[in-house]
Amino acid sequence: MSKSPCESLTAAVCAVGSHTRVPFLRFTGTFCHRRSENHAVLYDGYLALQLWRRSSPPPDHVAVVITERDLLEQGAYETLGDFFEWAVEYGADRITVSVSVLDEAVVPTLSRELTALDTPKPLAVRRPGDTEQVDAPIQVSIGLGGKREFAETVRQLAEAVDAGEIEPDEIEADDIDSRLVFREEPDLVIKTGAERLSDFMIWQSVYSELYFTDVNWRDFRKRDYLRALIDYADRQRRFGK
């Protein structure tokens, strides 16, 4: 559930108050830094209030698309941990992270770092070659692109047809859904850094709301997430109609 206006503003004001017990004429670097922090907290509270005023429910399933290069930036994993906390705080029951990679040699390292994160809900990682379905609240795809996942699903269906388990003209969308590694359809997909998607959940995201921001992952803040939620709340989802 989204926070109420009182909760959002009280949290913001209390946070500001805890940092403002400094002399008025203390024009030091620390003072200026604290003023900047205070403004940031108040602005986040303002955005949270704007979100609360929307009548639309928050997305149940939020996905974010990043790259291996994003995770090489300083503080990238801390940002990811914060992102998980923000998503849960504002009502997401499921979170998906897609990490596109150019060199699969980095996959073991990324997988190790991601599974070591302290997360608010259980996390599961799938890599190239994995076919086991994921059902964890937080699910991460590292280099397991949508094309590869879909090709494996088609392969399994072809094998089922050859085995006489299903007739070709009986194949329905549910038969594809049931064979995907990532079955859940995101309500909101966030792409940072550029207005283009990588090879990401090409089947599952067909009715998702897409949100692009030119903010790079290393600079992604709570306010950027709140802006995405406000944009989502202002849309009228049509699900292809």
C-alpha atoms as a PDB file:
ATOM      1  CA  MET A   1       0.000   0.000   0.000  1.00  0.00           C
ATOM      2  CA  SER A   2       1.154   3.526  -0.726  1.00  0.00           C
ATOM      3  CA  LYS A   3       1.871   5.674   2.280  1.00  0.00           C
ATOM      4  CA  SER A   4      -0.765   8.150   3.440  1.00  0.00           C
ATOM      5  CA  PRO A   5      -0.068  11.908   3.163  1.00  0.00           C
ATOM      6  CA  CYS A   6       0.413  12.145   6.913  1.00  0.00           C
ATOM      7  CA  GLU A   7       2.906   9.275   6.957  1.00  0.00           C
ATOM      8  CA  SER A   8       4.833  10.639   3.986  1.00  0.00           C
ATOM      9  CA  LEU A   9       5.022  14.220   5.187  1.00  0.00           C
ATOM     10  CA  THR A  10       5.619  13.285   8.821  1.00  0.00           C
ATOM     11  CA  ALA A  11       8.504  11.050   7.784  1.00  0.00           C
ATOM     12  CA  ALA A  12       9.922  13.816   5.610  1.00  0.00           C
ATOM     13  CA  VAL A  13       9.609  16.540   8.252  1.00  0.00           C
ATOM     14  CA  CYS A  14      11.038  14.318  10.994  1.00  0.00           C
ATOM     15  CA  ALA A  15      13.952  13.381   8.791  1.00  0.00           C
ATOM     16  CA  VAL A  16      14.619  17.035   8.045  1.00  0.00           C
ATOM     17  CA  GLY A  17      14.260  18.016  11.676  1.00  0.00           C
ATOM     18  CA  SER A  18      16.837  15.474  12.756  1.00  0.00           C
ATOM     19  CA  HIS A  19      19.439  17.146  10.536  1.00  0.00           C
ATOM     20  CA  THR A  20      18.743  20.847  11.080  1.00  0.00           C
ATOM     21  CA  ARG A  21      20.018  21.391  14.621  1.00  0.00           C
ATOM     22  CA  VAL A  22      22.887  23.583  13.421  1.00  0.00           C
ATOM     23  CA  PRO A  23      23.477  27.313  13.902  1.00  0.00           C
ATOM     24  CA  PHE A  24      21.734  29.463  11.312  1.00  0.00           C
ATOM     25  CA  LEU A  25      24.953  31.215  10.277  1.00  0.00           C
ATOM     26  CA  ARG A  26      27.028  28.062   9.930  1.00  0.00           C
ATOM     27  CA  PHE A  27      27.772  28.433   6.240  1.00  0.00           C
ATOM     28  CA  THR A  28      30.093  25.474   5.992  1.00  0.00           C
ATOM     29  CA  GLY A  29      30.261  22.730   3.415  1.00  0.00           C
ATOM     30  CA  THR A  30      28.561  20.380   5.878  1.00  0.00           C
ATOM     31  CA  PHE A  31      25.707  22.820   6.363  1.00  0.00           C
ATOM     32  CA  CYS A  32      25.162  23.170   2.624  1.00  0.00           C
ATOM     33  CA  HIS A  33      25.288  19.411   2.229  1.00  0.00           C
ATOM     34  CA  ARG A  34      22.663  18.986   4.952  1.00  0.00           C
ATOM     35  CA  ARG A  35      20.431  21.608   3.333  1.00  0.00           C
ATOM     36  CA  SER A  36      20.654  19.637   0.091  1.00  0.00           C
ATOM     37  CA  GLU A  37      19.768  16.417   1.906  1.00  0.00           C
ATOM     38  CA  ASN A  38      16.820  18.113   3.594  1.00  0.00           C
ATOM     39  CA  HIS A  39      15.463  19.391   0.296  1.00  0.00           C
ATOM     40  CA  ALA A  40      15.800  15.909  -1.192  1.00  0.00           C
ATOM     41  CA  VAL A  41      13.862  14.341   1.682  1.00  0.00           C
ATOM     42  CA  LEU A  42      11.106  16.937   1.421  1.00  0.00           C
ATOM     43  CA  TYR A  43      10.859  16.502  -2.337  1.00  0.00           C
ATOM     44  CA  ASP A  44      10.589  12.730  -1.981  1.00  0.00           C
ATOM     45  CA  GLY A  45       7.808  13.302   0.550  1.00  0.00           C
ATOM     46  CA  TYR A  46       6.070  15.646  -1.891  1.00  0.00           C
ATOM     47  CA  LEU A  47       6.210  13.012  -4.653  1.00  0.00           C
ATOM     48  CA  ALA A  48       4.925  10.361  -2.256  1.00  0.00           C
ATOM     49  CA  LEU A  49       1.981  12.643  -1.464  1.00  0.00           C
ATOM     50  CA  GLN A  50       1.280  13.155  -5.163  1.00  0.00           C
ATOM     51  CA  LEU A  51       1.294   9.393  -5.653  1.00  0.00           C
ATOM     52  CA  TRP A  52      -1.054   8.845  -2.728  1.00  0.00           C
ATOM     53  CA  ARG A  53      -3.541  11.335  -4.197  1.00  0.00           C
ATOM     54  CA  ARG A  54      -3.900   9.166  -7.312  1.00  0.00           C
ATOM     55  CA  SER A  55      -6.802   6.735  -7.127  1.00  0.00           C
ATOM     56  CA  SER A  56      -5.102   4.055  -9.221  1.00  0.00           C
ATOM     57  CA  PRO A  57      -3.586   1.102  -7.343  1.00  0.00           C
ATOM     58  CA  PRO A  58       0.191   0.702  -7.492  1.00  0.00           C
ATOM     59  CA  PRO A  59       1.702  -1.951  -9.759  1.00  0.00           C
ATOM     60  CA  ASP A  60       1.781  -5.425  -8.208  1.00  0.00           C
ATOM     61  CA  HIS A  61       4.692  -6.501 -10.382  1.00  0.00           C
ATOM     62  CA  VAL A  62       7.516  -4.070 -11.156  1.00  0.00           C
ATOM     63  CA  ALA A  63      10.418  -4.864 -13.481  1.00  0.00           C
ATOM     64  CA  VAL A  64      13.615  -2.975 -14.194  1.00  0.00           C
ATOM     65  CA  VAL A  65      15.953  -3.465 -17.143  1.00  0.00           C
ATOM     66  CA  ILE A  66      19.661  -2.818 -16.604  1.00  0.00           C
ATOM     67  CA  THR A  67      22.938  -3.975 -18.123  1.00  0.00           C
ATOM     68  CA  GLU A  68      26.139  -5.579 -16.891  1.00  0.00           C
ATOM     69  CA  ARG A  69      27.822  -2.199 -17.369  1.00  0.00           C
ATOM     70  CA  ASP A  70      25.331  -0.621 -14.982  1.00  0.00           C
ATOM     71  CA  LEU A  71      26.397  -3.094 -12.300  1.00  0.00           C
ATOM     72  CA  LEU A  72      30.049  -2.198 -12.790  1.00  0.00           C
ATOM     73  CA  GLU A  73      29.372   1.347 -11.586  1.00  0.00           C
ATOM     74  CA  GLN A  74      30.230   2.241  -8.007  1.00  0.00           C
ATOM     75  CA  GLY A  75      27.218   1.850  -5.728  1.00  0.00           C
ATOM     76  CA  ALA A  76      25.176  -0.093  -8.310  1.00  0.00           C
ATOM     77  CA  TYR A  77      24.343  -2.974  -5.972  1.00  0.00           C
ATOM     78  CA  GLU A  78      23.409  -0.598  -3.170  1.00  0.00           C
ATOM     79  CA  THR A  79      21.011   1.116  -5.586  1.00  0.00           C
ATOM     80  CA  LEU A  80      19.534  -2.251  -6.477  1.00  0.00           C
ATOM     81  CA  GLY A  81      19.025  -3.093  -2.811  1.00  0.00           C
ATOM     82  CA  ASP A  82      17.342   0.283  -2.293  1.00  0.00           C
ATOM     83  CA  PHE A  83      15.160  -0.342  -5.347  1.00  0.00           C
ATOM     84  CA  PHE A  84      13.889  -3.580  -3.832  1.00  0.00           C
ATOM     85  CA  GLU A  85      13.015  -1.727  -0.629  1.00  0.00           C
ATOM     86  CA  TRP A  86      11.202   1.064  -2.517  1.00  0.00           C
ATOM     87  CA  ALA A  87       9.203  -1.398  -4.597  1.00  0.00           C
ATOM     88  CA  VAL A  88       8.022  -3.321  -1.541  1.00  0.00           C
ATOM     89  CA  GLU A  89       7.329  -0.086   0.360  1.00  0.00           C
ATOM     90  CA  TYR A  90       5.009   1.092  -2.394  1.00  0.00           C
ATOM     91  CA  GLY A  91       3.001  -2.067  -2.847  1.00  0.00           C
ATOM     92  CA  ALA A  92       4.855  -4.409  -5.213  1.00  0.00           C
ATOM     93  CA  ASP A  93       4.381  -8.096  -4.465  1.00  0.00           C
ATOM     94  CA  ARG A  94       6.785  -9.210  -7.190  1.00  0.00           C
ATOM     95  CA  ILE A  95       9.953  -7.643  -8.592  1.00  0.00           C
ATOM     96  CA  THR A  96      11.865  -8.696 -11.692  1.00  0.00           C
ATOM     97  CA  VAL A  97      15.318  -7.527 -12.698  1.00  0.00           C
ATOM     98  CA  SER A  98      16.657  -8.211 -16.173  1.00  0.00           C
ATOM     99  CA  VAL A  99      20.409  -7.845 -16.580  1.00  0.00           C
ATOM    100  CA  SER A 100      21.529  -7.971 -20.195  1.00  0.00           C
ATOM    101  CA  VAL A 101      25.108  -9.114 -20.748  1.00  0.00           C
ATOM    102  CA  LEU A 102      27.479  -8.933 -23.688  1.00  0.00           C
ATOM    103  CA  ASP A 103      29.998 -11.399 -22.268  1.00  0.00           C
ATOM    104  CA  GLU A 104      28.566 -14.481 -20.533  1.00  0.00           C
ATOM    105  CA  ALA A 105      31.866 -14.898 -18.701  1.00  0.00           C
ATOM    106  CA  VAL A 106      30.657 -12.249 -16.225  1.00  0.00           C
ATOM    107  CA  VAL A 107      27.463 -14.159 -15.394  1.00  0.00           C
ATOM    108  CA  PRO A 108      28.895 -16.189 -12.451  1.00  0.00           C
ATOM    109  CA  THR A 109      30.307 -13.039 -10.843  1.00  0.00           C
ATOM    110  CA  LEU A 110      27.070 -11.091 -11.263  1.00  0.00           C
ATOM    111  CA  SER A 111      25.076 -14.031  -9.945  1.00  0.00           C
ATOM    112  CA  ARG A 112      27.265 -14.293  -6.850  1.00  0.00           C
ATOM    113  CA  GLU A 113      26.993 -10.573  -6.108  1.00  0.00           C
ATOM    114  CA  LEU A 114      23.233 -10.487  -6.625  1.00  0.00           C
ATOM    115  CA  THR A 115      22.471 -13.520  -4.475  1.00  0.00           C
ATOM    116  CA  ALA A 116      24.549 -11.949  -1.690  1.00  0.00           C
ATOM    117  CA  LEU A 117      22.261  -8.908  -1.505  1.00  0.00           C
ATOM    118  CA  ASP A 118      20.183  -8.345   1.610  1.00  0.00           C
ATOM    119  CA  THR A 119      16.657  -8.228   0.183  1.00  0.00           C
ATOM    120  CA  PRO A 120      13.235  -7.610   1.764  1.00  0.00           C
ATOM    121  CA  LYS A 121      11.866 -10.785   0.167  1.00  0.00           C
ATOM    122  CA  PRO A 122      13.403 -14.042  -1.120  1.00  0.00           C
ATOM    123  CA  LEU A 123      15.421 -13.693  -4.318  1.00  0.00           C
ATOM    124  CA  ALA A 124      16.073 -16.219  -7.099  1.00  0.00           C
ATOM    125  CA  VAL A 125      18.492 -15.904 -10.018  1.00  0.00           C
ATOM    126  CA  ARG A 126      18.248 -17.574 -13.429  1.00  0.00           C
ATOM    127  CA  ARG A 127      21.108 -17.705 -15.914  1.00  0.00           C
ATOM    128  CA  PRO A 128      21.626 -18.884 -19.503  1.00  0.00           C
ATOM    129  CA  GLY A 129      20.769 -22.571 -19.736  1.00  0.00           C
ATOM    130  CA  ASP A 130      18.395 -22.538 -16.752  1.00  0.00           C
ATOM    131  CA  THR A 131      14.951 -23.958 -17.517  1.00  0.00           C
ATOM    132  CA  GLU A 132      13.524 -24.257 -13.995  1.00  0.00           C
ATOM    133  CA  GLN A 133      10.640 -21.886 -13.457  1.00  0.00           C
ATOM    134  CA  VAL A 134      11.134 -19.151 -10.903  1.00  0.00           C
ATOM    135  CA  ASP A 135       8.499 -18.355  -8.299  1.00  0.00           C
ATOM    136  CA  ALA A 136      10.398 -16.161  -5.831  1.00  0.00           C
ATOM    137  CA  PRO A 137       8.996 -12.687  -5.042  1.00  0.00           C
ATOM    138  CA  ILE A 138      12.230 -11.143  -6.343  1.00  0.00           C
ATOM    139  CA  GLN A 139      13.488 -12.744  -9.536  1.00  0.00           C
ATOM    140  CA  VAL A 140      16.605 -11.871 -11.488  1.00  0.00           C
ATOM    141  CA  SER A 141      17.471 -12.808 -15.050  1.00  0.00           C
ATOM    142  CA  ILE A 142      21.175 -12.551 -15.884  1.00  0.00           C
ATOM    143  CA  GLY A 143      21.838 -12.970 -19.583  1.00  0.00           C
ATOM    144  CA  LEU A 144      18.751 -15.147 -20.053  1.00  0.00           C
ATOM    145  CA  GLY A 145      17.204 -13.013 -22.767  1.00  0.00           C
ATOM    146  CA  GLY A 146      13.633 -13.118 -23.950  1.00  0.00           C
ATOM    147  CA  LYS A 147      14.532 -14.613 -27.324  1.00  0.00           C
ATOM    148  CA  ARG A 148      16.443 -17.477 -25.732  1.00  0.00           C
ATOM    149  CA  GLU A 149      13.691 -18.145 -23.208  1.00  0.00           C
ATOM    150  CA  PHE A 150      11.008 -18.111 -25.899  1.00  0.00           C
ATOM    151  CA  ALA A 151      13.056 -20.350 -28.217  1.00  0.00           C
ATOM    152  CA  GLU A 152      13.398 -22.900 -25.416  1.00  0.00           C
ATOM    153  CA  THR A 153       9.633 -22.781 -24.874  1.00  0.00           C
ATOM    154  CA  VAL A 154       8.991 -23.438 -28.581  1.00  0.00           C
ATOM    155  CA  ARG A 155      11.473 -26.319 -28.439  1.00  0.00           C
ATOM    156  CA  GLN A 156       9.611 -27.873 -25.507  1.00  0.00           C
ATOM    157  CA  LEU A 157       6.295 -27.512 -27.326  1.00  0.00           C
ATOM    158  CA  ALA A 158       7.762 -29.177 -30.431  1.00  0.00           C
ATOM    159  CA  GLU A 159       8.946 -32.079 -28.291  1.00  0.00           C
ATOM    160  CA  ALA A 160       5.482 -32.354 -26.751  1.00  0.00           C
ATOM    161  CA  VAL A 161       3.931 -32.497 -30.220  1.00  0.00           C
ATOM    162  CA  ASP A 162       6.405 -35.190 -31.321  1.00  0.00           C
ATOM    163  CA  ALA A 163       5.582 -37.197 -28.218  1.00  0.00           C
ATOM    164  CA  GLY A 164       1.871 -37.001 -28.986  1.00  0.00           C
ATOM    165  CA  GLU A 165       1.172 -35.064 -25.801  1.00  0.00           C
ATOM    166  CA  ILE A 166      -0.497 -32.197 -27.642  1.00  0.00           C
ATOM    167  CA  GLU A 167      -1.804 -31.507 -31.133  1.00  0.00           C
ATOM    168  CA  PRO A 168      -0.386 -28.485 -32.991  1.00  0.00           C
ATOM    169  CA  ASP A 169      -3.832 -26.943 -33.487  1.00  0.00           C
ATOM    170  CA  GLU A 170      -4.538 -27.280 -29.763  1.00  0.00           C
ATOM    171  CA  ILE A 171      -1.645 -25.073 -28.669  1.00  0.00           C
ATOM    172  CA  GLU A 172      -2.859 -22.043 -26.709  1.00  0.00           C
ATOM    173  CA  ALA A 173      -1.135 -19.099 -25.054  1.00  0.00           C
ATOM    174  CA  ASP A 174      -1.364 -20.914 -21.712  1.00  0.00           C
ATOM    175  CA  ASP A 175       0.800 -23.710 -23.126  1.00  0.00           C
ATOM    176  CA  ILE A 176       3.539 -21.152 -23.720  1.00  0.00           C
ATOM    177  CA  ASP A 177       3.033 -19.444 -20.349  1.00  0.00           C
ATOM    178  CA  SER A 178       3.371 -22.728 -18.475  1.00  0.00           C
ATOM    179  CA  ARG A 179       6.790 -23.425 -20.030  1.00  0.00           C
ATOM    180  CA  LEU A 180       8.435 -20.038 -19.496  1.00  0.00           C
ATOM    181  CA  VAL A 181      11.121 -19.604 -16.853  1.00  0.00           C
ATOM    182  CA  PHE A 182       9.615 -16.230 -15.878  1.00  0.00           C
ATOM    183  CA  ARG A 183       5.848 -16.698 -16.036  1.00  0.00           C
ATOM    184  CA  GLU A 184       4.577 -13.531 -14.393  1.00  0.00           C
ATOM    185  CA  GLU A 185       3.653 -10.505 -16.517  1.00  0.00           C
ATOM    186  CA  PRO A 186       5.042  -7.185 -15.208  1.00  0.00           C
ATOM    187  CA  ASP A 187       2.607  -4.326 -14.728  1.00  0.00           C
ATOM    188  CA  LEU A 188       5.370  -1.740 -15.020  1.00  0.00           C
ATOM    189  CA  VAL A 189       8.730  -2.031 -16.788  1.00  0.00           C
ATOM    190  CA  ILE A 190      11.338   0.634 -16.011  1.00  0.00           C
ATOM    191  CA  LYS A 191      14.285   1.160 -18.353  1.00  0.00           C
ATOM    192  CA  THR A 192      17.043   3.492 -17.216  1.00  0.00           C
ATOM    193  CA  GLY A 193      19.612   5.287 -19.325  1.00  0.00           C
ATOM    194  CA  ALA A 194      17.987   5.249 -22.766  1.00  0.00           C
ATOM    195  CA  GLU A 195      14.669   4.881 -24.569  1.00  0.00           C
ATOM    196  CA  ARG A 196      15.217   1.368 -25.841  1.00  0.00           C
ATOM    197  CA  LEU A 197      14.641  -2.103 -24.471  1.00  0.00           C
ATOM    198  CA  SER A 198      17.132  -4.907 -24.539  1.00  0.00           C
ATOM    199  CA  ASP A 199      16.200  -8.553 -25.122  1.00  0.00           C
ATOM    200  CA  PHE A 200      13.733  -8.570 -22.246  1.00  0.00           C
ATOM    201  CA  MET A 201      10.687 -10.773 -21.543  1.00  0.00           C
ATOM    202  CA  ILE A 202       9.342 -10.369 -25.063  1.00  0.00           C
ATOM    203  CA  TRP A 203       6.297 -12.539 -24.329  1.00  0.00           C
ATOM    204  CA  GLN A 204       5.490 -11.483 -20.786  1.00  0.00           C
ATOM    205  CA  SER A 205       5.771  -7.711 -21.271  1.00  0.00           C
ATOM    206  CA  VAL A 206       3.437  -7.410 -24.262  1.00  0.00           C
ATOM    207  CA  TYR A 207       0.785  -5.619 -22.146  1.00  0.00           C
ATOM    208  CA  SER A 208       3.154  -4.005 -19.654  1.00  0.00           C
ATOM    209  CA  GLU A 209       3.372  -0.272 -19.187  1.00  0.00           C
ATOM    210  CA  LEU A 210       6.841   0.911 -20.245  1.00  0.00           C
ATOM    211  CA  TYR A 211       8.583   3.786 -18.488  1.00  0.00           C
ATOM    212  CA  PHE A 212      11.825   5.214 -19.862  1.00  0.00           C
ATOM    213  CA  THR A 213      14.088   7.574 -17.958  1.00  0.00           C
ATOM    214  CA  ASP A 214      17.356   9.130 -19.086  1.00  0.00           C
ATOM    215  CA  VAL A 215      18.666   8.767 -15.528  1.00  0.00           C
ATOM    216  CA  ASN A 216      21.474   6.228 -15.486  1.00  0.00           C
ATOM    217  CA  TRP A 217      21.244   3.365 -13.034  1.00  0.00           C
ATOM    218  CA  ARG A 218      24.110   4.696 -10.905  1.00  0.00           C
ATOM    219  CA  ASP A 219      22.119   7.897 -10.341  1.00  0.00           C
ATOM    220  CA  PHE A 220      18.675   6.304  -9.885  1.00  0.00           C
ATOM    221  CA  ARG A 221      17.051   7.577  -6.686  1.00  0.00           C
ATOM    222  CA  LYS A 222      13.832   7.099  -4.795  1.00  0.00           C
ATOM    223  CA  ARG A 223      12.381  10.189  -6.454  1.00  0.00           C
ATOM    224  CA  ASP A 224      12.994   8.605  -9.865  1.00  0.00           C
ATOM    225  CA  TYR A 225      11.075   5.525  -8.778  1.00  0.00           C
ATOM    226  CA  LEU A 226       8.246   7.657  -7.417  1.00  0.00           C
ATOM    227  CA  ARG A 227       8.065   9.528 -10.718  1.00  0.00           C
ATOM    228  CA  ALA A 228       7.693   6.206 -12.517  1.00  0.00           C
ATOM    229  CA  LEU A 229       4.857   5.213 -10.181  1.00  0.00           C
ATOM    230  CA  ILE A 230       3.090   8.548 -10.681  1.00  0.00           C
ATOM    231  CA  ASP A 231       3.387   8.180 -14.455  1.00  0.00           C
ATOM    232  CA  TYR A 232       1.981   4.652 -14.173  1.00  0.00           C
ATOM    233  CA  ALA A 233      -0.913   5.860 -12.007  1.00  0.00           C
ATOM    234  CA  ASP A 234      -1.814   8.496 -14.589  1.00  0.00           C
ATOM    235  CA  ARG A 235      -2.136   5.966 -17.412  1.00  0.00           C
ATOM    236  CA  GLN A 236      -5.212   4.032 -18.490  1.00  0.00           C
ATOM    237  CA  ARG A 237      -4.162   0.453 -19.115  1.00  0.00           C
ATOM    238  CA  ARG A 238      -5.819  -1.130 -22.139  1.00  0.00           C
ATOM    239  CA  PHE A 239      -4.132  -4.568 -22.247  1.00  0.00           C
ATOM    240  CA  GLY A 240      -3.965  -4.488 -26.032  1.00  0.00           C
ATOM    241  CA  LYS A 241      -7.577  -3.381 -26.562  1.00  0.00           C
END
